[in-house]
């Protein structure tokens, strides 16, 4: 069972708290992850269509290498966007659990 919706809701909650200060990031999350319903291929394609660049492999390797007793993160991919206001990242991945004691796989789009 995949909890894509739960992972998206959790990410959305975190972003909603800071939405007033970071509207561009919240808007990007809505356009890339929510519009794609958490589908990694669709989210990456939407980012590509908006001119986002691939995240360098060494950064993605660092994200996946943080696997520990809380679980494993695999199939990591991402895009980044920069402008004079800053930088935004899109990361899609698969986690084998959503918390240390909850062994339920989840597809992530954040």
Protein backbone atom coordinates (compact mmCIF):
# COMPACT_ATOMS: atom_id res chain seq x y z
CA UNK A 1 0.00 0.00 0.00
CA UNK A 2 1.38 3.37 -0.92
CA UNK A 3 0.65 6.49 1.02
CA UNK A 4 1.44 9.07 -1.62
CA UNK A 5 -1.50 11.19 -0.51
CA UNK A 6 -0.38 11.06 3.12
CA UNK A 7 3.17 12.05 2.21
CA UNK A 8 1.86 14.90 0.09
CA UNK A 9 -0.46 16.05 2.86
CA UNK A 10 2.40 16.02 5.33
CA UNK A 11 4.61 18.04 2.99
CA UNK A 12 1.74 20.39 2.21
CA UNK A 13 1.13 21.00 5.91
CA UNK A 14 4.76 21.95 6.40
CA UNK A 15 4.71 24.26 3.42
CA UNK A 16 1.36 25.79 4.38
CA UNK A 17 2.79 26.99 7.67
CA UNK A 18 5.38 29.05 5.81
CA UNK A 19 3.21 29.91 2.79
CA UNK A 20 2.85 33.55 3.81
CA UNK A 21 6.62 33.97 3.75
CA UNK A 22 7.37 31.66 0.83
CA UNK A 23 4.55 31.91 -1.66
CA UNK A 24 6.76 31.07 -4.67
CA UNK A 25 7.81 27.78 -3.04
CA UNK A 26 4.22 26.91 -2.11
CA UNK A 27 3.03 27.77 -5.62
CA UNK A 28 5.78 25.60 -7.11
CA UNK A 29 4.77 22.70 -4.83
CA UNK A 30 1.17 23.02 -5.97
CA UNK A 31 2.12 23.21 -9.66
CA UNK A 32 4.67 20.40 -9.59
CA UNK A 33 3.64 17.88 -6.93
CA UNK A 34 -0.05 18.39 -6.26
CA UNK A 35 -1.03 18.91 -9.89
CA UNK A 36 0.82 15.70 -10.72
CA UNK A 37 -0.95 13.90 -7.86
CA UNK A 38 2.48 12.90 -6.57
CA UNK A 39 3.45 11.08 -9.76
CA UNK A 40 7.23 11.38 -10.05
CA UNK A 41 7.37 11.30 -13.86
CA UNK A 42 4.65 13.94 -14.22
CA UNK A 43 6.21 16.18 -11.55
CA UNK A 44 9.65 16.01 -13.18
CA UNK A 45 8.13 16.64 -16.63
CA UNK A 46 6.27 19.69 -15.30
CA UNK A 47 9.48 21.06 -13.79
CA UNK A 48 11.36 20.43 -17.04
CA UNK A 49 8.64 22.24 -18.98
CA UNK A 50 9.09 25.24 -16.68
CA UNK A 51 12.84 25.32 -17.31
CA UNK A 52 14.02 23.75 -14.06
CA UNK A 53 17.49 22.11 -14.18
CA UNK A 54 18.41 18.59 -13.04
CA UNK A 55 19.80 18.45 -9.51
CA UNK A 56 23.47 17.41 -9.63
CA UNK A 57 23.92 13.69 -8.98
CA UNK A 58 26.23 14.24 -6.00
CA UNK A 59 23.48 16.16 -4.19
CA UNK A 60 20.90 13.45 -4.88
CA UNK A 61 23.36 10.76 -3.77
CA UNK A 62 23.72 12.61 -0.47
CA UNK A 63 19.95 12.60 -0.03
CA UNK A 64 19.68 8.86 -0.66
CA UNK A 65 22.78 8.02 1.38
CA UNK A 66 21.11 9.33 4.52
CA UNK A 67 19.40 5.96 4.84
CA UNK A 68 19.54 4.78 8.43
CA UNK A 69 17.44 2.84 10.92
CA UNK A 70 14.44 5.00 10.05
CA UNK A 71 14.34 3.55 6.55
CA UNK A 72 15.68 3.68 3.03
CA UNK A 73 15.13 6.33 0.39
CA UNK A 74 15.54 5.13 -3.21
CA UNK A 75 14.77 6.22 -6.76
CA UNK A 76 15.73 9.80 -5.94
CA UNK A 77 15.59 12.40 -8.68
CA UNK A 78 15.19 16.14 -8.65
CA UNK A 79 15.15 19.51 -10.31
CA UNK A 80 16.18 22.97 -9.19
CA UNK A 81 15.24 26.48 -10.13
CA UNK A 82 17.25 29.61 -9.38
CA UNK A 83 16.60 33.30 -9.77
CA UNK A 84 17.65 36.53 -8.08
CA UNK A 85 15.33 35.75 -5.14
CA UNK A 86 16.90 32.37 -4.37
CA UNK A 87 16.76 28.68 -5.17
CA UNK A 88 14.01 26.04 -5.07
CA UNK A 89 14.36 22.26 -5.21
CA UNK A 90 11.97 19.55 -6.34
CA UNK A 91 12.85 16.07 -5.04
CA UNK A 92 10.97 12.89 -5.87
CA UNK A 93 11.84 9.59 -4.23
CA UNK A 94 10.53 6.39 -2.74
CA UNK A 95 10.78 5.65 0.99
CA UNK A 96 10.29 2.18 2.43
CA UNK A 97 8.60 3.64 5.52
CA UNK A 98 7.06 6.94 6.57
CA UNK A 99 8.38 6.85 10.16
CA UNK A 100 10.71 4.63 12.20
CA UNK A 101 7.83 2.57 13.59
CA UNK A 102 5.55 2.76 10.53
CA UNK A 103 6.74 0.33 7.86
CA UNK A 104 4.54 1.63 5.07
CA UNK A 105 6.12 2.60 1.74
CA UNK A 106 5.53 6.07 0.34
CA UNK A 107 6.29 7.91 -2.87
CA UNK A 108 7.59 11.39 -2.06
CA UNK A 109 7.28 14.62 -3.99
CA UNK A 110 8.58 17.66 -2.14
